[in-house]
Amino acid sequence: MGAIFQGDELLILLVILLLILGPSKLPQLAKGLGQAMREFKKASQGLYDEETIGQAKKLSAASESSESSSNIDMDLVRKLASKLEVSTKGKSDTELVKEVLAKAKEKGII
């Protein structure tokens, strides 16, 4: 996918914006655009919904408890694996739980 504006088109657009808005408004426009881009980047960098965070914390608590690992809900583990983009193929339940927990810790969820 290429850029929307390239070289000459970008220059022409900037000249038109300068003529329409004037030199005093251009820095304000650039500042607003920069803030919008920062917010978009922050929102798209792996922030997970509250449900995913709750599920990861529940799984972490279940795995750290002294109870047997048979109490861990594997449907929950598979859902988390999907949300965290962890492959489930060819892995035992124990391996999957460990990998999902490691990925959740890596992403800062738990």
Protein backbone atom coordinates (compact mmCIF):
# COMPACT_ATOMS: atom_id res chain seq x y z
CA MET A 1 0.00 0.00 0.00
CA GLY A 2 1.53 3.30 -1.04
CA ALA A 3 1.32 6.66 0.59
CA ILE A 4 -1.76 8.80 -0.05
CA PHE A 5 0.28 11.84 -1.00
CA GLN A 6 3.74 11.76 -2.52
CA GLY A 7 6.29 14.47 -3.28
CA ASP A 8 4.58 17.04 -5.51
CA GLU A 9 1.06 16.35 -4.25
CA LEU A 10 2.14 16.95 -0.66
CA LEU A 11 3.88 20.20 -1.59
CA ILE A 12 0.82 21.46 -3.48
CA LEU A 13 -1.43 20.54 -0.56
CA LEU A 14 0.81 22.43 1.88
CA VAL A 15 0.83 25.53 -0.34
CA ILE A 16 -2.99 25.46 -0.59
CA LEU A 17 -3.28 25.05 3.20
CA LEU A 18 -0.89 27.97 3.70
CA LEU A 19 -2.96 30.18 1.39
CA ILE A 20 -6.27 29.21 2.98
CA LEU A 21 -5.27 29.21 6.65
CA GLY A 22 -2.44 31.70 6.66
CA PRO A 23 0.92 31.34 8.35
CA SER A 24 -0.44 31.87 11.88
CA LYS A 25 -2.86 28.93 11.81
CA LEU A 26 -0.54 26.38 10.20
CA PRO A 27 1.48 25.58 13.37
CA GLN A 28 -1.78 25.04 15.30
CA LEU A 29 -2.98 22.66 12.60
CA ALA A 30 0.31 20.73 12.69
CA LYS A 31 0.18 20.51 16.49
CA GLY A 32 -3.39 19.17 16.40
CA LEU A 33 -2.46 16.64 13.73
CA GLY A 34 0.54 15.48 15.78
CA GLN A 35 -1.58 15.03 18.90
CA ALA A 36 -4.20 13.07 16.93
CA MET A 37 -1.51 10.79 15.51
CA ARG A 38 -0.03 10.20 18.99
CA GLU A 39 -3.46 9.29 20.38
CA PHE A 40 -4.11 6.91 17.49
CA LYS A 41 -0.72 5.25 17.94
CA LYS A 42 -1.27 4.89 21.69
CA ALA A 43 -4.71 3.34 21.14
CA SER A 44 -3.44 0.87 18.56
CA GLN A 45 -0.40 -0.38 20.51
CA GLY A 46 -1.88 -3.42 22.18
CA LEU A 47 -4.35 -1.97 24.63
CA TYR A 48 -6.72 -4.77 25.51
CA ASP A 49 -10.32 -4.56 26.62
CA GLU A 50 -11.29 -5.04 30.25
CA GLU A 51 -12.60 -8.56 29.56
CA THR A 52 -9.21 -9.72 28.28
CA ILE A 53 -7.41 -8.17 31.24
CA GLY A 54 -9.85 -9.79 33.68
CA GLN A 55 -9.49 -13.18 32.03
CA ALA A 56 -5.69 -12.97 32.10
CA LYS A 57 -5.68 -12.05 35.80
CA LYS A 58 -8.09 -14.88 36.56
CA LEU A 59 -5.87 -17.35 34.70
CA SER A 60 -2.78 -16.04 36.47
CA ALA A 61 -4.41 -16.42 39.88
CA ALA A 62 -5.61 -19.94 39.04
CA SER A 63 -2.16 -21.02 37.86
CA GLU A 64 -0.42 -19.60 40.94
CA SER A 65 -2.84 -21.14 43.43
CA SER A 66 -1.88 -24.28 45.27
CA GLU A 67 -4.83 -26.11 43.71
CA SER A 68 -4.27 -28.55 40.88
CA SER A 69 -4.06 -27.26 37.32
CA SER A 70 -7.23 -29.21 36.46
CA ASN A 71 -9.23 -26.27 37.85
CA ILE A 72 -8.06 -24.01 35.01
CA ASP A 73 -10.76 -23.37 32.42
CA MET A 74 -9.14 -24.35 29.11
CA ASP A 75 -11.84 -22.55 27.10
CA LEU A 76 -10.70 -19.36 28.81
CA VAL A 77 -7.08 -20.20 27.99
CA ARG A 78 -7.93 -20.76 24.31
CA LYS A 79 -9.86 -17.45 24.13
CA LEU A 80 -6.91 -15.62 25.66
CA ALA A 81 -4.50 -17.39 23.30
CA SER A 82 -6.57 -16.18 20.37
CA LYS A 83 -6.68 -12.59 21.64
CA LEU A 84 -2.96 -12.60 22.38
CA GLU A 85 -2.13 -14.25 19.04
CA VAL A 86 -0.63 -17.38 20.61
CA SER A 87 -0.77 -20.54 18.49
CA THR A 88 -2.57 -23.46 20.14
CA LYS A 89 -1.57 -26.17 17.66
CA GLY A 90 0.40 -29.13 19.01
CA LYS A 91 0.67 -27.83 22.57
CA SER A 92 -0.36 -29.54 25.77
CA ASP A 93 -2.69 -27.69 28.15
CA THR A 94 0.20 -26.95 30.50
CA GLU A 95 2.40 -25.57 27.70
CA LEU A 96 -0.46 -23.43 26.42
CA VAL A 97 -1.17 -21.98 29.87
CA LYS A 98 2.51 -21.13 30.36
CA GLU A 99 2.79 -19.51 26.94
CA VAL A 100 -0.41 -17.47 27.35
CA LEU A 101 0.72 -16.25 30.76
CA ALA A 102 4.16 -15.34 29.40
CA LYS A 103 2.61 -13.39 26.51
CA ALA A 104 0.19 -11.59 28.86
CA LYS A 105 3.11 -10.58 31.10
CA GLU A 106 5.12 -9.48 28.06
CA LYS A 107 2.23 -7.26 26.92
CA GLY A 108 1.86 -5.80 30.43
CA ILE A 109 -1.65 -7.16 30.95
CA ILE A 110 -0.76 -8.96 34.19
